[in-house]
Amino acid sequence: QVQLVESGGGSVQAGGSLRLSCVASGYDSSTYYMGWFRQAPGKEREGVATRSRLGVTSYADSVKGRFTISRDNAKNTLYLQMNSLKPDDTAMYYCAKGSSRTIAYSLKESSYSDWGQGTQVTVSS
């Protein structure tokens, strides 16, 4: 059974940094692309960052240059390093496992089959 458990969220002032972690179990996370999503109150969930099996990454325009997605295959763990945080980054952050073996990576919610429970990030001005 696939399980994704996020951690590392918290409250930080604008300009600060946080590193989110997502430990995957129940499958070999190196065999699928993975991604980070976020959902702010009253808004739809949006893709933030994605990483292919081979390390190709893609980011939403709103976080390019500030966020970095990475993975430690030995630990079956996905990370999201978030720097220069802004109040607009406040949201619940989710990691997700890709569902397709025919695409390399995706920022679309429909391309993912399994989700973690989320970790809250709050950025104050």
Protein backbone atom coordinates (compact mmCIF):
# COMPACT_ATOMS: atom_id res chain seq x y z
CA GLN A 1 0.00 0.00 0.00
CA VAL A 2 1.39 3.35 -1.05
CA GLN A 3 1.89 5.82 1.76
CA LEU A 4 3.25 9.36 1.56
CA VAL A 5 4.00 11.27 4.74
CA GLU A 6 4.96 14.95 4.62
CA SER A 7 6.72 16.93 7.32
CA GLY A 8 8.67 20.15 7.74
CA GLY A 9 5.92 22.71 7.49
CA GLY A 10 5.59 25.56 9.94
CA SER A 11 5.35 29.29 10.39
CA VAL A 12 8.04 31.59 9.06
CA GLN A 13 8.46 35.27 8.29
CA ALA A 14 8.67 36.54 4.75
CA GLY A 15 12.13 35.99 3.33
CA GLY A 16 12.68 32.87 5.41
CA SER A 17 13.20 29.26 4.38
CA LEU A 18 11.69 25.87 5.03
CA ARG A 19 12.46 22.37 3.80
CA LEU A 20 9.61 19.96 3.34
CA SER A 21 10.13 16.22 3.35
CA CYS A 22 7.95 13.42 2.02
CA VAL A 23 8.74 9.85 2.96
CA ALA A 24 7.32 7.30 0.56
CA SER A 25 6.60 3.68 1.43
CA GLY A 26 4.88 0.76 -0.18
CA TYR A 27 6.64 1.18 -3.50
CA ASP A 28 9.98 2.20 -4.95
CA SER A 29 9.70 5.96 -5.35
CA SER A 30 12.51 5.98 -7.91
CA THR A 31 10.23 4.28 -10.45
CA TYR A 32 7.72 7.14 -10.77
CA TYR A 33 7.87 10.87 -11.14
CA MET A 34 6.77 12.78 -8.05
CA GLY A 35 5.55 16.24 -7.31
CA TRP A 36 4.68 18.89 -4.77
CA PHE A 37 1.34 20.67 -4.80
CA ARG A 38 -0.22 23.32 -2.61
CA GLN A 39 -3.68 24.55 -1.81
CA ALA A 40 -4.48 27.86 -0.19
CA PRO A 41 -7.86 28.52 1.46
CA GLY A 42 -10.52 29.19 -1.16
CA LYS A 43 -8.22 28.27 -4.02
CA GLU A 44 -7.71 25.22 -6.19
CA ARG A 45 -4.77 22.91 -5.63
CA GLU A 46 -1.86 23.86 -7.88
CA GLY A 47 1.30 22.11 -8.94
CA VAL A 48 4.44 23.67 -7.48
CA ALA A 49 7.31 21.40 -8.52
CA THR A 50 7.81 18.04 -10.17
CA ARG A 51 10.76 15.72 -10.67
CA SER A 52 11.14 12.90 -13.17
CA ARG A 53 12.71 9.54 -12.40
CA LEU A 54 15.90 10.73 -14.08
CA GLY A 55 16.07 14.05 -12.27
CA VAL A 56 14.47 16.44 -14.72
CA THR A 57 12.58 19.12 -12.81
CA SER A 58 9.88 21.64 -13.59
CA TYR A 59 8.43 24.44 -11.49
CA ALA A 60 5.45 26.72 -11.43
CA ASP A 61 6.39 30.23 -12.56
CA SER A 62 5.48 31.61 -9.14
CA VAL A 63 8.24 29.61 -7.40
CA LYS A 64 10.99 29.42 -10.02
CA GLY A 65 14.32 30.44 -8.61
CA ARG A 66 13.08 30.11 -5.01
CA PHE A 67 12.03 26.46 -4.63
CA THR A 68 14.07 23.34 -5.35
CA ILE A 69 12.72 19.82 -5.58
CA SER A 70 15.06 16.91 -4.91
CA ARG A 71 14.96 13.26 -4.00
CA ASP A 72 17.06 10.85 -1.96
CA ASN A 73 16.38 7.45 -3.51
CA ALA A 74 18.18 5.60 -0.74
CA LYS A 75 15.79 7.09 1.79
CA ASN A 76 12.74 7.01 -0.51
CA THR A 77 12.29 10.67 0.39
CA LEU A 78 11.26 13.68 -1.67
CA TYR A 79 12.23 17.19 -0.59
CA LEU A 80 11.11 20.71 -1.35
CA GLN A 81 13.57 23.42 -0.35
CA MET A 82 11.72 26.72 -0.16
CA ASN A 83 13.71 29.95 0.04
CA SER A 84 12.71 33.63 -0.03
CA LEU A 85 9.25 32.70 1.12
CA LYS A 86 6.40 35.13 0.54
CA PRO A 87 2.99 35.47 2.21
CA ASP A 88 1.45 34.20 -1.06
CA ASP A 89 3.23 30.89 -0.44
CA THR A 90 0.98 30.23 2.54
CA ALA A 91 -0.88 26.98 1.86
CA MET A 92 -1.19 23.31 2.69
CA TYR A 93 1.55 21.49 0.82
CA TYR A 94 1.12 17.96 -0.49
CA CYS A 95 3.48 15.49 -2.10
CA ALA A 96 2.16 13.10 -4.69
CA LYS A 97 3.16 10.01 -6.64
CA GLY A 98 2.83 9.96 -10.40
CA SER A 99 0.33 7.62 -11.99
CA SER A 100 1.70 7.22 -15.50
CA ARG A 101 4.68 5.43 -16.96
CA THR A 102 4.32 7.24 -20.28
CA ILE A 103 5.05 10.78 -19.18
CA ALA A 104 8.24 12.00 -17.54
CA TYR A 105 6.77 14.50 -15.12
CA SER A 106 3.79 16.76 -14.68
CA LEU A 107 2.40 19.70 -12.74
CA LYS A 108 -1.16 18.56 -13.39
CA GLU A 109 -3.12 17.14 -10.49
CA SER A 110 -4.76 14.58 -12.78
CA SER A 111 -1.35 12.98 -13.44
CA TYR A 112 -1.02 11.76 -9.86
CA SER A 113 -2.58 8.79 -8.14
CA ASP A 114 -1.52 8.96 -4.51
CA TRP A 115 -1.31 11.86 -2.09
CA GLY A 116 0.03 12.59 1.34
CA GLN A 117 -1.99 14.20 4.11
CA GLY A 118 -0.28 17.57 3.71
CA THR A 119 1.82 19.88 5.83
CA GLN A 120 0.89 23.50 6.55
CA VAL A 121 3.18 26.36 5.56
CA THR A 122 2.35 29.84 6.86
CA VAL A 123 4.38 32.88 5.83
CA SER A 124 3.81 36.13 7.66
CA SER A 125 4.72 39.58 6.37
